[in-house]
Amino acid sequence: MTQQAAALQTYNNELVKCIEDLCSKRDELNRQIKQEEEEKERLQHDIRVLSEKLSRVNESLAQRLAARATFDRTIAETEAAYTKILESSQSLLNVLKQEAGNLSKATEPRRKEH
């Protein structure tokens, strides 16, 4: 019976050692799980923060793009109006020169013909 008791004791020791090893591995796995869950929470928080920032940037960008479009339209309209003013000024200057020339001719003393 002593041999059976010794064998039983050996099996028992091995079983206890296996259980302790499994518990140790489970504890390590639990530590890793906790670490990854914490990392996951940090990442989700960062994603929320970045999503909010992205939303604010998108809103600001949309406003700035609309403002730029307004500037572009105003500049184009102003340049077109300025071009018309220049063309009208040129036409007016040409008419004025022509009239001045006509007036000069009309006011020149007539030459006597012999």
C-alpha atoms as a PDB file:
ATOM      1  CA  MET A   1       0.000   0.000   0.000  1.00  0.00           C
ATOM      2  CA  THR A   2       2.914   2.330   0.562  1.00  0.00           C
ATOM      3  CA  GLN A   3       3.838   2.143  -3.098  1.00  0.00           C
ATOM      4  CA  GLN A   4       0.259   3.055  -4.036  1.00  0.00           C
ATOM      5  CA  ALA A   5       0.296   5.888  -1.517  1.00  0.00           C
ATOM      6  CA  ALA A   6       3.575   7.156  -2.929  1.00  0.00           C
ATOM      7  CA  ALA A   7       2.205   6.975  -6.477  1.00  0.00           C
ATOM      8  CA  LEU A   8      -0.965   8.721  -5.340  1.00  0.00           C
ATOM      9  CA  GLN A   9       1.106  11.399  -3.625  1.00  0.00           C
ATOM     10  CA  THR A  10       3.169  11.870  -6.818  1.00  0.00           C
ATOM     11  CA  TYR A  11       0.018  12.181  -8.914  1.00  0.00           C
ATOM     12  CA  ASN A  12      -1.423  14.566  -6.387  1.00  0.00           C
ATOM     13  CA  ASN A  13       1.722  16.709  -6.436  1.00  0.00           C
ATOM     14  CA  GLU A  14       1.733  16.759 -10.235  1.00  0.00           C
ATOM     15  CA  LEU A  15      -1.960  17.606 -10.308  1.00  0.00           C
ATOM     16  CA  VAL A  16      -1.456  20.446  -7.836  1.00  0.00           C
ATOM     17  CA  LYS A  17       1.518  21.691  -9.890  1.00  0.00           C
ATOM     18  CA  CYS A  18      -0.536  21.556 -13.108  1.00  0.00           C
ATOM     19  CA  ILE A  19      -3.391  23.426 -11.429  1.00  0.00           C
ATOM     20  CA  GLU A  20      -0.963  26.059 -10.104  1.00  0.00           C
ATOM     21  CA  ASP A  21       0.565  26.431 -13.582  1.00  0.00           C
ATOM     22  CA  LEU A  22      -2.889  26.833 -15.112  1.00  0.00           C
ATOM     23  CA  CYS A  23      -3.827  29.394 -12.442  1.00  0.00           C
ATOM     24  CA  SER A  24      -0.586  31.279 -13.098  1.00  0.00           C
ATOM     25  CA  LYS A  25      -1.267  31.290 -16.867  1.00  0.00           C
ATOM     26  CA  ARG A  26      -4.849  32.426 -16.233  1.00  0.00           C
ATOM     27  CA  ASP A  27      -3.595  35.251 -13.993  1.00  0.00           C
ATOM     28  CA  GLU A  28      -1.165  36.355 -16.714  1.00  0.00           C
ATOM     29  CA  LEU A  29      -3.944  36.179 -19.282  1.00  0.00           C
ATOM     30  CA  ASN A  30      -6.212  38.230 -16.995  1.00  0.00           C
ATOM     31  CA  ARG A  31      -3.452  40.833 -16.666  1.00  0.00           C
ATOM     32  CA  GLN A  32      -3.097  40.996 -20.456  1.00  0.00           C
ATOM     33  CA  ILE A  33      -6.880  41.221 -20.904  1.00  0.00           C
ATOM     34  CA  LYS A  34      -7.082  44.066 -18.387  1.00  0.00           C
ATOM     35  CA  GLN A  35      -4.217  45.848 -20.116  1.00  0.00           C
ATOM     36  CA  GLU A  36      -5.856  45.521 -23.541  1.00  0.00           C
ATOM     37  CA  GLU A  37      -9.244  46.631 -22.195  1.00  0.00           C
ATOM     38  CA  GLU A  38      -7.586  49.749 -20.759  1.00  0.00           C
ATOM     39  CA  GLU A  39      -5.884  50.381 -24.095  1.00  0.00           C
ATOM     40  CA  LYS A  40      -9.203  49.881 -25.862  1.00  0.00           C
ATOM     41  CA  GLU A  41     -10.865  52.451 -23.585  1.00  0.00           C
ATOM     42  CA  ARG A  42      -8.034  54.926 -24.206  1.00  0.00           C
ATOM     43  CA  LEU A  43      -8.320  54.414 -27.946  1.00  0.00           C
ATOM     44  CA  GLN A  44     -12.101  54.808 -27.893  1.00  0.00           C
ATOM     45  CA  HIS A  45     -11.695  58.013 -25.895  1.00  0.00           C
ATOM     46  CA  ASP A  46      -9.103  59.275 -28.387  1.00  0.00           C
ATOM     47  CA  ILE A  47     -11.436  58.390 -31.255  1.00  0.00           C
ATOM     48  CA  ARG A  48     -14.276  60.362 -29.631  1.00  0.00           C
ATOM     49  CA  VAL A  49     -11.992  63.353 -29.067  1.00  0.00           C
ATOM     50  CA  LEU A  50     -10.649  63.189 -32.614  1.00  0.00           C
ATOM     51  CA  SER A  51     -14.149  62.760 -34.063  1.00  0.00           C
ATOM     52  CA  GLU A  52     -15.309  65.867 -32.229  1.00  0.00           C
ATOM     53  CA  LYS A  53     -12.253  67.790 -33.460  1.00  0.00           C
ATOM     54  CA  LEU A  54     -12.857  66.543 -36.996  1.00  0.00           C
ATOM     55  CA  SER A  55     -16.460  67.672 -36.801  1.00  0.00           C
ATOM     56  CA  ARG A  56     -15.425  71.149 -35.626  1.00  0.00           C
ATOM     57  CA  VAL A  57     -12.753  71.396 -38.336  1.00  0.00           C
ATOM     58  CA  ASN A  58     -15.253  70.301 -40.992  1.00  0.00           C
ATOM     59  CA  GLU A  59     -17.736  72.954 -39.841  1.00  0.00           C
ATOM     60  CA  SER A  60     -15.041  75.634 -39.805  1.00  0.00           C
ATOM     61  CA  LEU A  61     -13.772  74.517 -43.191  1.00  0.00           C
ATOM     62  CA  ALA A  62     -17.272  74.656 -44.673  1.00  0.00           C
ATOM     63  CA  GLN A  63     -17.714  78.207 -43.363  1.00  0.00           C
ATOM     64  CA  ARG A  64     -14.329  79.268 -44.713  1.00  0.00           C
ATOM     65  CA  LEU A  65     -15.030  77.688 -48.098  1.00  0.00           C
ATOM     66  CA  ALA A  66     -18.351  79.531 -48.267  1.00  0.00           C
ATOM     67  CA  ALA A  67     -16.612  82.784 -47.322  1.00  0.00           C
ATOM     68  CA  ARG A  68     -13.958  82.196 -49.975  1.00  0.00           C
ATOM     69  CA  ALA A  69     -16.653  81.554 -52.574  1.00  0.00           C
ATOM     70  CA  THR A  70     -18.260  84.856 -51.572  1.00  0.00           C
ATOM     71  CA  PHE A  71     -14.898  86.627 -51.908  1.00  0.00           C
ATOM     72  CA  ASP A  72     -14.312  85.009 -55.300  1.00  0.00           C
ATOM     73  CA  ARG A  73     -17.749  86.043 -56.522  1.00  0.00           C
ATOM     74  CA  THR A  74     -17.363  89.611 -55.208  1.00  0.00           C
ATOM     75  CA  ILE A  75     -13.895  89.942 -56.758  1.00  0.00           C
ATOM     76  CA  ALA A  76     -15.121  88.605 -60.113  1.00  0.00           C
ATOM     77  CA  GLU A  77     -18.117  90.977 -60.115  1.00  0.00           C
ATOM     78  CA  THR A  78     -15.927  93.921 -59.110  1.00  0.00           C
ATOM     79  CA  GLU A  79     -13.328  93.134 -61.764  1.00  0.00           C
ATOM     80  CA  ALA A  80     -16.048  92.832 -64.402  1.00  0.00           C
ATOM     81  CA  ALA A  81     -17.542  96.167 -63.356  1.00  0.00           C
ATOM     82  CA  TYR A  82     -14.080  97.756 -63.300  1.00  0.00           C
ATOM     83  CA  THR A  83     -13.387  96.433 -66.799  1.00  0.00           C
ATOM     84  CA  LYS A  84     -16.651  98.001 -68.007  1.00  0.00           C
ATOM     85  CA  ILE A  85     -15.666 101.282 -66.358  1.00  0.00           C
ATOM     86  CA  LEU A  86     -12.283 101.173 -68.116  1.00  0.00           C
ATOM     87  CA  GLU A  87     -13.955 100.421 -71.444  1.00  0.00           C
ATOM     88  CA  SER A  88     -16.440 103.255 -70.908  1.00  0.00           C
ATOM     89  CA  SER A  89     -13.618 105.597 -69.890  1.00  0.00           C
ATOM     90  CA  GLN A  90     -11.707 104.678 -73.039  1.00  0.00           C
ATOM     91  CA  SER A  91     -14.796 105.252 -75.176  1.00  0.00           C
ATOM     92  CA  LEU A  92     -15.475 108.557 -73.432  1.00  0.00           C
ATOM     93  CA  LEU A  93     -11.866 109.627 -73.938  1.00  0.00           C
ATOM     94  CA  ASN A  94     -12.030 108.738 -77.627  1.00  0.00           C
ATOM     95  CA  VAL A  95     -15.282 110.683 -78.069  1.00  0.00           C
ATOM     96  CA  LEU A  96     -13.858 113.608 -76.123  1.00  0.00           C
ATOM     97  CA  LYS A  97     -10.697 113.691 -78.262  1.00  0.00           C
ATOM     98  CA  GLN A  98     -12.772 113.496 -81.420  1.00  0.00           C
ATOM     99  CA  GLU A  99     -15.045 116.340 -80.242  1.00  0.00           C
ATOM    100  CA  ALA A 100     -12.040 118.392 -79.144  1.00  0.00           C
ATOM    101  CA  GLY A 101     -10.548 117.886 -82.576  1.00  0.00           C
ATOM    102  CA  ASN A 102     -13.813 118.918 -84.220  1.00  0.00           C
ATOM    103  CA  LEU A 103     -14.059 121.990 -82.000  1.00  0.00           C
ATOM    104  CA  SER A 104     -10.473 122.930 -82.783  1.00  0.00           C
ATOM    105  CA  LYS A 105     -11.227 122.739 -86.480  1.00  0.00           C
ATOM    106  CA  ALA A 106     -14.398 124.737 -86.061  1.00  0.00           C
ATOM    107  CA  THR A 107     -12.655 127.499 -84.101  1.00  0.00           C
ATOM    108  CA  GLU A 108      -9.594 127.860 -86.322  1.00  0.00           C
ATOM    109  CA  PRO A 109      -9.571 131.063 -88.267  1.00  0.00           C
ATOM    110  CA  ARG A 110     -10.390 130.521 -91.864  1.00  0.00           C
ATOM    111  CA  ARG A 111      -7.654 131.103 -94.321  1.00  0.00           C
ATOM    112  CA  LYS A 112      -8.275 133.589 -96.954  1.00  0.00           C
ATOM    113  CA  GLU A 113      -8.086 132.238-100.377  1.00  0.00           C
ATOM    114  CA  HIS A 114      -6.393 134.409-102.943  1.00  0.00           C
END
